[in-house]
């Protein structure tokens, strides 16, 4: 199993969701509204006020998926979330050691 996480621009969420809906094996996702800021090396605030307000709204996507579908989902997010500008977000994938559903199907 893999865990895919992305932090993207909120305006790209609909495009990402639509693109993922076309990917075989896409299991669904969890969405969280978050805030983020750039590294000082990438964006130097011009004033103290700008430094305090440097946070921008982002959306975090969490997906747990079978290994065989993970790369396709990862690449789809990367493509659909991109505006080709600084601040588009970040994307990463980890291996999950153990995974279970909390609910149990009725026999």
PDB file of N, CA and C in Angstrom:
ATOM      1  N   UNK A   1       0.845  -1.183   0.000  1.00  0.00           N
ATOM      2  CA  UNK A   1       0.000   0.000   0.000  1.00  0.00           C
ATOM      3  C   UNK A   1       0.885   1.239   0.000  1.00  0.00           C
ATOM      4  N   UNK A   2       0.354   2.298  -0.602  1.00  0.00           N
ATOM      5  CA  UNK A   2       1.039   3.584  -0.638  1.00  0.00           C
ATOM      6  C   UNK A   2       0.130   4.658  -0.049  1.00  0.00           C
ATOM      7  N   UNK A   3       0.766   5.672   0.475  1.00  0.00           N
ATOM      8  CA  UNK A   3       0.075   6.857   0.968  1.00  0.00           C
ATOM      9  C   UNK A   3       0.557   8.019   0.104  1.00  0.00           C
ATOM     10  N   UNK A   4      -0.383   8.683  -0.556  1.00  0.00           N
ATOM     11  CA  UNK A   4      -0.055   9.832  -1.392  1.00  0.00           C
ATOM     12  C   UNK A   4      -0.626  11.056  -0.699  1.00  0.00           C
ATOM     13  N   UNK A   5       0.206  12.085  -0.586  1.00  0.00           N
ATOM     14  CA  UNK A   5      -0.219  13.339   0.023  1.00  0.00           C
ATOM     15  C   UNK A   5       0.160  14.472  -0.917  1.00  0.00           C
ATOM     16  N   UNK A   6      -0.724  15.443  -1.001  1.00  0.00           N
ATOM     17  CA  UNK A   6      -0.456  16.618  -1.824  1.00  0.00           C
ATOM     18  C   UNK A   6      -0.998  17.842  -1.120  1.00  0.00           C
ATOM     19  N   UNK A   7      -0.305  18.944  -1.280  1.00  0.00           N
ATOM     20  CA  UNK A   7      -0.796  20.238  -0.831  1.00  0.00           C
ATOM     21  C   UNK A   7      -0.824  21.108  -2.079  1.00  0.00           C
ATOM     22  N   UNK A   8      -2.030  21.542  -2.458  1.00  0.00           N
ATOM     23  CA  UNK A   8      -2.218  22.220  -3.733  1.00  0.00           C
ATOM     24  C   UNK A   8      -3.014  23.516  -3.566  1.00  0.00           C
ATOM     25  N   UNK A   9      -3.087  24.270  -4.640  1.00  0.00           N
ATOM     26  CA  UNK A   9      -3.923  25.472  -4.672  1.00  0.00           C
ATOM     27  C   UNK A   9      -5.397  25.052  -4.645  1.00  0.00           C
ATOM     28  N   UNK A  10      -6.221  25.728  -3.853  1.00  0.00           N
ATOM     29  CA  UNK A  10      -7.645  25.377  -3.810  1.00  0.00           C
ATOM     30  C   UNK A  10      -8.331  25.438  -5.178  1.00  0.00           C
ATOM     31  N   UNK A  11      -7.916  26.351  -6.022  1.00  0.00           N
ATOM     32  CA  UNK A  11      -8.554  26.493  -7.338  1.00  0.00           C
ATOM     33  C   UNK A  11      -8.284  25.298  -8.253  1.00  0.00           C
ATOM     34  N   UNK A  12      -7.318  24.463  -7.903  1.00  0.00           N
ATOM     35  CA  UNK A  12      -6.981  23.293  -8.721  1.00  0.00           C
ATOM     36  C   UNK A  12      -7.698  22.034  -8.255  1.00  0.00           C
ATOM     37  N   UNK A  13      -8.394  22.091  -7.126  1.00  0.00           N
ATOM     38  CA  UNK A  13      -9.017  20.900  -6.558  1.00  0.00           C
ATOM     39  C   UNK A  13     -10.025  20.255  -7.503  1.00  0.00           C
ATOM     40  N   UNK A  14     -10.896  21.042  -8.128  1.00  0.00           N
ATOM     41  CA  UNK A  14     -11.889  20.461  -9.031  1.00  0.00           C
ATOM     42  C   UNK A  14     -11.228  19.747 -10.209  1.00  0.00           C
ATOM     43  N   UNK A  15     -10.157  20.337 -10.750  1.00  0.00           N
ATOM     44  CA  UNK A  15      -9.445  19.695 -11.863  1.00  0.00           C
ATOM     45  C   UNK A  15      -8.785  18.394 -11.424  1.00  0.00           C
ATOM     46  N   UNK A  16      -8.196  18.407 -10.232  1.00  0.00           N
ATOM     47  CA  UNK A  16      -7.559  17.198  -9.704  1.00  0.00           C
ATOM     48  C   UNK A  16      -8.618  16.119  -9.474  1.00  0.00           C
ATOM     49  N   UNK A  17      -9.715  16.484  -8.866  1.00  0.00           N
ATOM     50  CA  UNK A  17     -10.770  15.509  -8.588  1.00  0.00           C
ATOM     51  C   UNK A  17     -11.318  14.903  -9.883  1.00  0.00           C
ATOM     52  N   UNK A  18     -11.558  15.733 -10.870  1.00  0.00           N
ATOM     53  CA  UNK A  18     -12.074  15.245 -12.148  1.00  0.00           C
ATOM     54  C   UNK A  18     -11.067  14.306 -12.820  1.00  0.00           C
ATOM     55  N   UNK A  19      -9.801  14.681 -12.805  1.00  0.00           N
ATOM     56  CA  UNK A  19      -8.760  13.842 -13.415  1.00  0.00           C
ATOM     57  C   UNK A  19      -8.622  12.513 -12.676  1.00  0.00           C
ATOM     58  N   UNK A  20      -8.663  12.538 -11.349  1.00  0.00           N
ATOM     59  CA  UNK A  20      -8.534  11.299 -10.580  1.00  0.00           C
ATOM     60  C   UNK A  20      -9.721  10.369 -10.801  1.00  0.00           C
ATOM     61  N   UNK A  21     -10.879  10.931 -11.065  1.00  0.00           N
ATOM     62  CA  UNK A  21     -12.051  10.114 -11.337  1.00  0.00           C
ATOM     63  C   UNK A  21     -11.904   9.250 -12.577  1.00  0.00           C
ATOM     64  N   UNK A  22     -10.947   9.587 -13.435  1.00  0.00           N
ATOM     65  CA  UNK A  22     -10.697   8.828 -14.662  1.00  0.00           C
ATOM     66  C   UNK A  22      -9.601   7.773 -14.499  1.00  0.00           C
ATOM     67  N   UNK A  23      -8.962   7.736 -13.327  1.00  0.00           N
ATOM     68  CA  UNK A  23      -7.837   6.823 -13.103  1.00  0.00           C
ATOM     69  C   UNK A  23      -8.331   5.499 -12.525  1.00  0.00           C
ATOM     70  N   UNK A  24      -7.967   4.408 -13.167  1.00  0.00           N
ATOM     71  CA  UNK A  24      -8.323   3.073 -12.682  1.00  0.00           C
ATOM     72  C   UNK A  24      -7.727   2.855 -11.296  1.00  0.00           C
ATOM     73  N   UNK A  25      -8.545   2.363 -10.386  1.00  0.00           N
ATOM     74  CA  UNK A  25      -8.079   2.040  -9.042  1.00  0.00           C
ATOM     75  C   UNK A  25      -8.123   3.189  -8.059  1.00  0.00           C
ATOM     76  N   UNK A  26      -8.554   4.374  -8.497  1.00  0.00           N
ATOM     77  CA  UNK A  26      -8.628   5.505  -7.566  1.00  0.00           C
ATOM     78  C   UNK A  26      -9.670   5.205  -6.493  1.00  0.00           C
ATOM     79  N   UNK A  27      -9.256   5.172  -5.203  1.00  0.00           N
ATOM     80  CA  UNK A  27     -10.153   4.745  -4.131  1.00  0.00           C
ATOM     81  C   UNK A  27     -10.942   5.865  -3.459  1.00  0.00           C
ATOM     82  N   UNK A  28     -10.657   7.107  -3.778  1.00  0.00           N
ATOM     83  CA  UNK A  28     -11.237   8.246  -3.078  1.00  0.00           C
ATOM     84  C   UNK A  28     -10.146   8.979  -2.322  1.00  0.00           C
ATOM     85  N   UNK A  29     -10.503  10.079  -1.690  1.00  0.00           N
ATOM     86  CA  UNK A  29      -9.484  10.887  -1.016  1.00  0.00           C
ATOM     87  C   UNK A  29     -10.095  11.662   0.134  1.00  0.00           C
ATOM     88  N   UNK A  30      -9.246  12.099   1.026  1.00  0.00           N
ATOM     89  CA  UNK A  30      -9.624  12.980   2.117  1.00  0.00           C
ATOM     90  C   UNK A  30      -9.069  14.362   1.806  1.00  0.00           C
ATOM     91  N   UNK A  31      -9.884  15.381   2.009  1.00  0.00           N
ATOM     92  CA  UNK A  31      -9.490  16.755   1.719  1.00  0.00           C
ATOM     93  C   UNK A  31      -9.504  17.552   3.017  1.00  0.00           C
ATOM     94  N   UNK A  32      -8.460  18.342   3.231  1.00  0.00           N
ATOM     95  CA  UNK A  32      -8.372  19.209   4.401  1.00  0.00           C
ATOM     96  C   UNK A  32      -7.958  20.599   3.944  1.00  0.00           C
ATOM     97  N   UNK A  33      -8.602  21.630   4.469  1.00  0.00           N
ATOM     98  CA  UNK A  33      -8.187  22.994   4.184  1.00  0.00           C
ATOM     99  C   UNK A  33      -7.046  23.344   5.129  1.00  0.00           C
ATOM    100  N   UNK A  34      -5.935  23.812   4.548  1.00  0.00           N
ATOM    101  CA  UNK A  34      -4.746  24.151   5.327  1.00  0.00           C
ATOM    102  C   UNK A  34      -4.214  25.502   4.852  1.00  0.00           C
ATOM    103  N   UNK A  35      -3.197  26.002   5.530  1.00  0.00           N
ATOM    104  CA  UNK A  35      -2.499  27.203   5.105  1.00  0.00           C
ATOM    105  C   UNK A  35      -1.024  26.889   4.996  1.00  0.00           C
ATOM    106  N   UNK A  36      -0.342  27.574   4.101  1.00  0.00           N
ATOM    107  CA  UNK A  36       1.083  27.348   3.929  1.00  0.00           C
ATOM    108  C   UNK A  36       1.803  28.642   3.622  1.00  0.00           C
ATOM    109  N   UNK A  37       3.121  28.581   3.713  1.00  0.00           N
ATOM    110  CA  UNK A  37       3.941  29.736   3.356  1.00  0.00           C
ATOM    111  C   UNK A  37       5.187  29.249   2.640  1.00  0.00           C
ATOM    112  N   UNK A  38       5.768  30.117   1.859  1.00  0.00           N
ATOM    113  CA  UNK A  38       6.971  29.786   1.108  1.00  0.00           C
ATOM    114  C   UNK A  38       8.196  29.808   2.005  1.00  0.00           C
ATOM    115  N   UNK A  39       9.222  29.135   1.551  1.00  0.00           N
ATOM    116  CA  UNK A  39      10.513  29.220   2.207  1.00  0.00           C
ATOM    117  C   UNK A  39      11.048  30.637   2.027  1.00  0.00           C
ATOM    118  N   UNK A  40      11.700  31.195   3.054  1.00  0.00           N
ATOM    119  CA  UNK A  40      12.250  32.540   2.897  1.00  0.00           C
ATOM    120  C   UNK A  40      13.228  32.648   1.729  1.00  0.00           C
ATOM    121  N   UNK A  41      13.876  31.549   1.377  1.00  0.00           N
ATOM    122  CA  UNK A  41      14.813  31.576   0.255  1.00  0.00           C
ATOM    123  C   UNK A  41      14.086  31.727  -1.079  1.00  0.00           C
ATOM    124  N   UNK A  42      12.828  31.307  -1.151  1.00  0.00           N
ATOM    125  CA  UNK A  42      12.061  31.384  -2.395  1.00  0.00           C
ATOM    126  C   UNK A  42      11.271  32.677  -2.500  1.00  0.00           C
ATOM    127  N   UNK A  43      10.912  33.259  -1.367  1.00  0.00           N
ATOM    128  CA  UNK A  43      10.115  34.495  -1.367  1.00  0.00           C
ATOM    129  C   UNK A  43      10.518  35.329  -0.161  1.00  0.00           C
ATOM    130  N   UNK A  44      11.109  36.469  -0.411  1.00  0.00           N
ATOM    131  CA  UNK A  44      11.557  37.328   0.674  1.00  0.00           C
ATOM    132  C   UNK A  44      10.506  38.412   0.930  1.00  0.00           C
ATOM    133  N   UNK A  45       9.814  38.367   2.082  1.00  0.00           N
ATOM    134  CA  UNK A  45       8.821  39.403   2.386  1.00  0.00           C
ATOM    135  C   UNK A  45       9.462  40.788   2.364  1.00  0.00           C
ATOM    136  N   UNK A  46       8.728  41.775   1.856  1.00  0.00           N
ATOM    137  CA  UNK A  46       9.244  43.137   1.743  1.00  0.00           C
ATOM    138  C   UNK A  46       9.037  43.953   3.016  1.00  0.00           C
ATOM    139  N   UNK A  47       8.153  43.489   3.907  1.00  0.00           N
ATOM    140  CA  UNK A  47       7.895  44.223   5.139  1.00  0.00           C
ATOM    141  C   UNK A  47       7.507  43.234   6.239  1.00  0.00           C
ATOM    142  N   UNK A  48       7.526  43.734   7.492  1.00  0.00           N
ATOM    143  CA  UNK A  48       7.129  42.890   8.620  1.00  0.00           C
ATOM    144  C   UNK A  48       5.675  42.463   8.473  1.00  0.00           C
ATOM    145  N   UNK A  49       4.806  43.383   8.004  1.00  0.00           N
ATOM    146  CA  UNK A  49       3.392  43.069   7.808  1.00  0.00           C
ATOM    147  C   UNK A  49       3.233  41.950   6.780  1.00  0.00           C
ATOM    148  N   UNK A  50       3.952  42.031   5.677  1.00  0.00           N
ATOM    149  CA  UNK A  50       3.875  40.993   4.652  1.00  0.00           C
ATOM    150  C   UNK A  50       4.381  39.661   5.199  1.00  0.00           C
ATOM    151  N   UNK A  51       5.399  39.703   6.051  1.00  0.00           N
ATOM    152  CA  UNK A  51       5.929  38.485   6.646  1.00  0.00           C
ATOM    153  C   UNK A  51       4.877  37.791   7.513  1.00  0.00           C
ATOM    154  N   UNK A  52       4.079  38.565   8.249  1.00  0.00           N
ATOM    155  CA  UNK A  52       3.044  37.998   9.099  1.00  0.00           C
ATOM    156  C   UNK A  52       1.852  37.481   8.295  1.00  0.00           C
ATOM    157  N   UNK A  53       1.643  38.002   7.111  1.00  0.00           N
ATOM    158  CA  UNK A  53       0.504  37.627   6.282  1.00  0.00           C
ATOM    159  C   UNK A  53       0.914  36.735   5.115  1.00  0.00           C
ATOM    160  N   UNK A  54       2.085  36.128   5.198  1.00  0.00           N
ATOM    161  CA  UNK A  54       2.639  35.349   4.094  1.00  0.00           C
ATOM    162  C   UNK A  54       1.938  34.006   3.901  1.00  0.00           C
ATOM    163  N   UNK A  55       1.005  33.649   4.763  1.00  0.00           N
ATOM    164  CA  UNK A  55       0.307  32.368   4.646  1.00  0.00           C
ATOM    165  C   UNK A  55      -0.778  32.463   3.584  1.00  0.00           C
ATOM    166  N   UNK A  56      -0.897  31.407   2.793  1.00  0.00           N
ATOM    167  CA  UNK A  56      -1.945  31.384   1.777  1.00  0.00           C
ATOM    168  C   UNK A  56      -2.743  30.093   1.918  1.00  0.00           C
ATOM    169  N   UNK A  57      -4.030  30.149   1.561  1.00  0.00           N
ATOM    170  CA  UNK A  57      -4.862  28.951   1.676  1.00  0.00           C
ATOM    171  C   UNK A  57      -4.409  27.871   0.699  1.00  0.00           C
ATOM    172  N   UNK A  58      -4.431  26.649   1.166  1.00  0.00           N
ATOM    173  CA  UNK A  58      -4.083  25.476   0.355  1.00  0.00           C
ATOM    174  C   UNK A  58      -5.071  24.364   0.697  1.00  0.00           C
ATOM    175  N   UNK A  59      -5.049  23.315  -0.086  1.00  0.00           N
ATOM    176  CA  UNK A  59      -5.859  22.129   0.155  1.00  0.00           C
ATOM    177  C   UNK A  59      -4.911  20.947   0.267  1.00  0.00           C
ATOM    178  N   UNK A  60      -5.107  20.141   1.291  1.00  0.00           N
ATOM    179  CA  UNK A  60      -4.299  18.933   1.455  1.00  0.00           C
ATOM    180  C   UNK A  60      -5.136  17.727   1.036  1.00  0.00           C
ATOM    181  N   UNK A  61      -4.545  16.880   0.219  1.00  0.00           N
ATOM    182  CA  UNK A  61      -5.186  15.661  -0.264  1.00  0.00           C
ATOM    183  C   UNK A  61      -4.446  14.475   0.344  1.00  0.00           C
ATOM    184  N   UNK A  62      -5.192  13.535   0.909  1.00  0.00           N
ATOM    185  CA  UNK A  62      -4.623  12.295   1.453  1.00  0.00           C
ATOM    186  C   UNK A  62      -5.297  11.122   0.760  1.00  0.00           C
ATOM    187  N   UNK A  63      -4.480  10.197   0.245  1.00  0.00           N
ATOM    188  CA  UNK A  63      -4.993   9.017  -0.445  1.00  0.00           C
ATOM    189  C   UNK A  63      -4.199   7.802   0.009  1.00  0.00           C
ATOM    190  N   UNK A  64      -4.886   6.713   0.307  1.00  0.00           N
ATOM    191  CA  UNK A  64      -4.247   5.419   0.559  1.00  0.00           C
ATOM    192  C   UNK A  64      -4.678   4.516  -0.587  1.00  0.00           C
ATOM    193  N   UNK A  65      -3.706   3.879  -1.238  1.00  0.00           N
ATOM    194  CA  UNK A  65      -4.001   3.181  -2.490  1.00  0.00           C
ATOM    195  C   UNK A  65      -3.103   1.957  -2.667  1.00  0.00           C
ATOM    196  N   UNK A  66      -3.607   0.956  -3.380  1.00  0.00           N
ATOM    197  CA  UNK A  66      -2.806  -0.225  -3.717  1.00  0.00           C
ATOM    198  C   UNK A  66      -1.594   0.192  -4.541  1.00  0.00           C
ATOM    199  N   UNK A  67      -0.487  -0.497  -4.332  1.00  0.00           N
ATOM    200  CA  UNK A  67       0.759  -0.186  -5.031  1.00  0.00           C
ATOM    201  C   UNK A  67       0.583  -0.109  -6.546  1.00  0.00           C
ATOM    202  N   UNK A  68      -0.194  -1.010  -7.110  1.00  0.00           N
ATOM    203  CA  UNK A  68      -0.295  -1.094  -8.568  1.00  0.00           C
ATOM    204  C   UNK A  68      -0.932   0.151  -9.201  1.00  0.00           C
ATOM    205  N   UNK A  69      -1.688   0.918  -8.436  1.00  0.00           N
ATOM    206  CA  UNK A  69      -2.345   2.114  -8.966  1.00  0.00           C
ATOM    207  C   UNK A  69      -1.679   3.413  -8.511  1.00  0.00           C
ATOM    208  N   UNK A  70      -0.760   3.318  -7.593  1.00  0.00           N
ATOM    209  CA  UNK A  70      -0.215   4.506  -6.933  1.00  0.00           C
ATOM    210  C   UNK A  70       0.493   5.465  -7.884  1.00  0.00           C
ATOM    211  N   UNK A  71       1.337   4.965  -8.751  1.00  0.00           N
ATOM    212  CA  UNK A  71       2.097   5.858  -9.630  1.00  0.00           C
ATOM    213  C   UNK A  71       1.174   6.624 -10.576  1.00  0.00           C
ATOM    214  N   UNK A  72       0.140   5.969 -11.098  1.00  0.00           N
ATOM    215  CA  UNK A  72      -0.802   6.645 -11.997  1.00  0.00           C
ATOM    216  C   UNK A  72      -1.526   7.771 -11.261  1.00  0.00           C
ATOM    217  N   UNK A  73      -1.935   7.531 -10.017  1.00  0.00           N
ATOM    218  CA  UNK A  73      -2.606   8.561  -9.227  1.00  0.00           C
ATOM    219  C   UNK A  73      -1.638   9.701  -8.920  1.00  0.00           C
ATOM    220  N   UNK A  74      -0.417   9.375  -8.544  1.00  0.00           N
ATOM    221  CA  UNK A  74       0.610  10.372  -8.243  1.00  0.00           C
ATOM    222  C   UNK A  74       0.834  11.288  -9.452  1.00  0.00           C
ATOM    223  N   UNK A  75       1.046  10.696 -10.617  1.00  0.00           N
ATOM    224  CA  UNK A  75       1.318  11.466 -11.831  1.00  0.00           C
ATOM    225  C   UNK A  75       0.099  12.293 -12.248  1.00  0.00           C
ATOM    226  N   UNK A  76      -1.092  11.774 -12.024  1.00  0.00           N
ATOM    227  CA  UNK A  76      -2.311  12.509 -12.355  1.00  0.00           C
ATOM    228  C   UNK A  76      -2.440  13.758 -11.495  1.00  0.00           C
ATOM    229  N   UNK A  77      -2.179  13.621 -10.200  1.00  0.00           N
ATOM    230  CA  UNK A  77      -2.225  14.795  -9.314  1.00  0.00           C
ATOM    231  C   UNK A  77      -1.183  15.816  -9.748  1.00  0.00           C
ATOM    232  N   UNK A  78       0.018  15.341 -10.015  1.00  0.00           N
ATOM    233  CA  UNK A  78       1.105  16.238 -10.415  1.00  0.00           C
ATOM    234  C   UNK A  78       0.724  17.050 -11.652  1.00  0.00           C
ATOM    235  N   UNK A  79       0.126  16.404 -12.606  1.00  0.00           N
ATOM    236  CA  UNK A  79      -0.266  17.073 -13.845  1.00  0.00           C
ATOM    237  C   UNK A  79      -1.466  18.004 -13.645  1.00  0.00           C
ATOM    238  N   UNK A  80      -2.511  17.514 -12.986  1.00  0.00           N
ATOM    239  CA  UNK A  80      -3.753  18.276 -12.849  1.00  0.00           C
ATOM    240  C   UNK A  80      -3.623  19.456 -11.887  1.00  0.00           C
ATOM    241  N   UNK A  81      -2.722  19.381 -10.915  1.00  0.00           N
ATOM    242  CA  UNK A  81      -2.582  20.448  -9.921  1.00  0.00           C
ATOM    243  C   UNK A  81      -1.676  21.579 -10.393  1.00  0.00           C
ATOM    244  N   UNK A  82      -0.910  21.340 -11.424  1.00  0.00           N
ATOM    245  CA  UNK A  82       0.099  22.313 -11.843  1.00  0.00           C
ATOM    246  C   UNK A  82      -0.474  23.491 -12.619  1.00  0.00           C
ATOM    247  N   UNK A  83      -0.022  24.689 -12.251  1.00  0.00           N
ATOM    248  CA  UNK A  83      -0.262  25.890 -13.057  1.00  0.00           C
ATOM    249  C   UNK A  83       1.070  26.363 -13.642  1.00  0.00           C
ATOM    250  N   UNK A  84       2.134  25.630 -13.321  1.00  0.00           N
ATOM    251  CA  UNK A  84       3.499  25.939 -13.756  1.00  0.00           C
ATOM    252  C   UNK A  84       4.039  27.238 -13.143  1.00  0.00           C
ATOM    253  N   UNK A  85       3.558  27.538 -11.925  1.00  0.00           N
ATOM    254  CA  UNK A  85       4.025  28.714 -11.195  1.00  0.00           C
ATOM    255  C   UNK A  85       4.479  28.316  -9.799  1.00  0.00           C
ATOM    256  N   UNK A  86       5.388  29.105  -9.241  1.00  0.00           N
ATOM    257  CA  UNK A  86       5.808  28.898  -7.857  1.00  0.00           C
ATOM    258  C   UNK A  86       4.575  28.981  -6.967  1.00  0.00           C
ATOM    259  N   UNK A  87       4.488  28.075  -5.998  1.00  0.00           N
ATOM    260  CA  UNK A  87       3.361  28.070  -5.079  1.00  0.00           C
ATOM    261  C   UNK A  87       2.279  27.072  -5.447  1.00  0.00           C
ATOM    262  N   UNK A  88       2.511  26.283  -6.516  1.00  0.00           N
ATOM    263  CA  UNK A  88       1.526  25.266  -6.895  1.00  0.00           C
ATOM    264  C   UNK A  88       1.337  24.235  -5.805  1.00  0.00           C
ATOM    265  N   UNK A  89       2.363  23.977  -5.015  1.00  0.00           N
ATOM    266  CA  UNK A  89       2.234  23.042  -3.908  1.00  0.00           C
ATOM    267  C   UNK A  89       3.316  21.990  -3.910  1.00  0.00           C
ATOM    268  N   UNK A  90       3.075  20.927  -3.151  1.00  0.00           N
ATOM    269  CA  UNK A  90       4.021  19.820  -3.048  1.00  0.00           C
ATOM    270  C   UNK A  90       3.247  18.504  -3.093  1.00  0.00           C
ATOM    271  N   UNK A  91       3.965  17.444  -3.448  1.00  0.00           N
ATOM    272  CA  UNK A  91       3.365  16.130  -3.622  1.00  0.00           C
ATOM    273  C   UNK A  91       4.389  15.100  -3.183  1.00  0.00           C
ATOM    274  N   UNK A  92       3.951  14.088  -2.394  1.00  0.00           N
ATOM    275  CA  UNK A  92       4.868  13.033  -1.991  1.00  0.00           C
ATOM    276  C   UNK A  92       4.126  11.727  -1.787  1.00  0.00           C
ATOM    277  N   UNK A  93       4.908  10.633  -1.776  1.00  0.00           N
ATOM    278  CA  UNK A  93       4.322   9.303  -1.621  1.00  0.00           C
ATOM    279  C   UNK A  93       5.195   8.496  -0.668  1.00  0.00           C
ATOM    280  N   UNK A  94       4.537   7.772   0.242  1.00  0.00           N
ATOM    281  CA  UNK A  94       5.207   6.915   1.225  1.00  0.00           C
ATOM    282  C   UNK A  94       4.647   5.508   1.153  1.00  0.00           C
ATOM    283  N   UNK A  95       5.443   4.569   1.616  1.00  0.00           N
ATOM    284  CA  UNK A  95       4.978   3.189   1.745  1.00  0.00           C
ATOM    285  C   UNK A  95       4.295   3.033   3.098  1.00  0.00           C
ATOM    286  N   UNK A  96       3.166   2.342   3.090  1.00  0.00           N
ATOM    287  CA  UNK A  96       2.429   2.063   4.326  1.00  0.00           C
ATOM    288  C   UNK A  96       2.763   0.641   4.758  1.00  0.00           C
ATOM    289  N   UNK A  97       3.175   0.511   5.988  1.00  0.00           N
ATOM    290  CA  UNK A  97       3.548  -0.800   6.526  1.00  0.00           C
ATOM    291  C   UNK A  97       2.331  -1.679   6.789  1.00  0.00           C
ATOM    292  N   UNK A  98       1.258  -1.077   7.275  1.00  0.00           N
ATOM    293  CA  UNK A  98       0.055  -1.851   7.604  1.00  0.00           C
ATOM    294  C   UNK A  98      -1.166  -0.996   7.324  1.00  0.00           C
ATOM    295  N   UNK A  99      -2.241  -1.631   6.853  1.00  0.00           N
ATOM    296  CA  UNK A  99      -3.461  -0.913   6.498  1.00  0.00           C
ATOM    297  C   UNK A  99      -4.666  -1.803   6.734  1.00  0.00           C
ATOM    298  N   UNK A 100      -5.708  -1.246   7.326  1.00  0.00           N
ATOM    299  CA  UNK A 100      -6.973  -1.948   7.531  1.00  0.00           C
ATOM    300  C   UNK A 100      -8.102  -0.951   7.472  1.00  0.00           C
ATOM    301  N   UNK A 101      -9.276  -1.424   7.055  1.00  0.00           N
ATOM    302  CA  UNK A 101     -10.493  -0.628   7.197  1.00  0.00           C
ATOM    303  C   UNK A 101     -10.975  -0.795   8.628  1.00  0.00           C
ATOM    304  N   UNK A 102     -11.516   0.253   9.204  1.00  0.00           N
ATOM    305  CA  UNK A 102     -12.029   0.179  10.566  1.00  0.00           C
ATOM    306  C   UNK A 102     -13.342  -0.595  10.600  1.00  0.00           C
ATOM    307  N   UNK A 103     -14.183  -0.388   9.605  1.00  0.00           N
ATOM    308  CA  UNK A 103     -15.468  -1.097   9.552  1.00  0.00           C
ATOM    309  C   UNK A 103     -15.241  -2.506   9.020  1.00  0.00           C
ATOM    310  N   UNK A 104     -16.105  -3.383   9.387  1.00  0.00           N
ATOM    311  CA  UNK A 104     -16.044  -4.767   8.903  1.00  0.00           C
ATOM    312  C   UNK A 104     -17.337  -5.065   8.156  1.00  0.00           C
ATOM    313  N   UNK A 105     -17.254  -5.586   6.933  1.00  0.00           N
ATOM    314  CA  UNK A 105     -18.472  -5.913   6.189  1.00  0.00           C
ATOM    315  C   UNK A 105     -19.298  -6.977   6.941  1.00  0.00           C
ATOM    316  N   UNK A 106     -20.608  -6.841   6.840  1.00  0.00           N
ATOM    317  CA  UNK A 106     -21.497  -7.823   7.464  1.00  0.00           C
ATOM    318  C   UNK A 106     -21.511  -9.110   6.636  1.00  0.00           C
ATOM    319  N   UNK A 107     -21.473 -10.226   7.319  1.00  0.00           N
ATOM    320  CA  UNK A 107     -21.471 -11.527   6.638  1.00  0.00           C
ATOM    321  C   UNK A 107     -22.834 -11.897   6.146  1.00  0.00           C
TER     322      UNK A 107
END
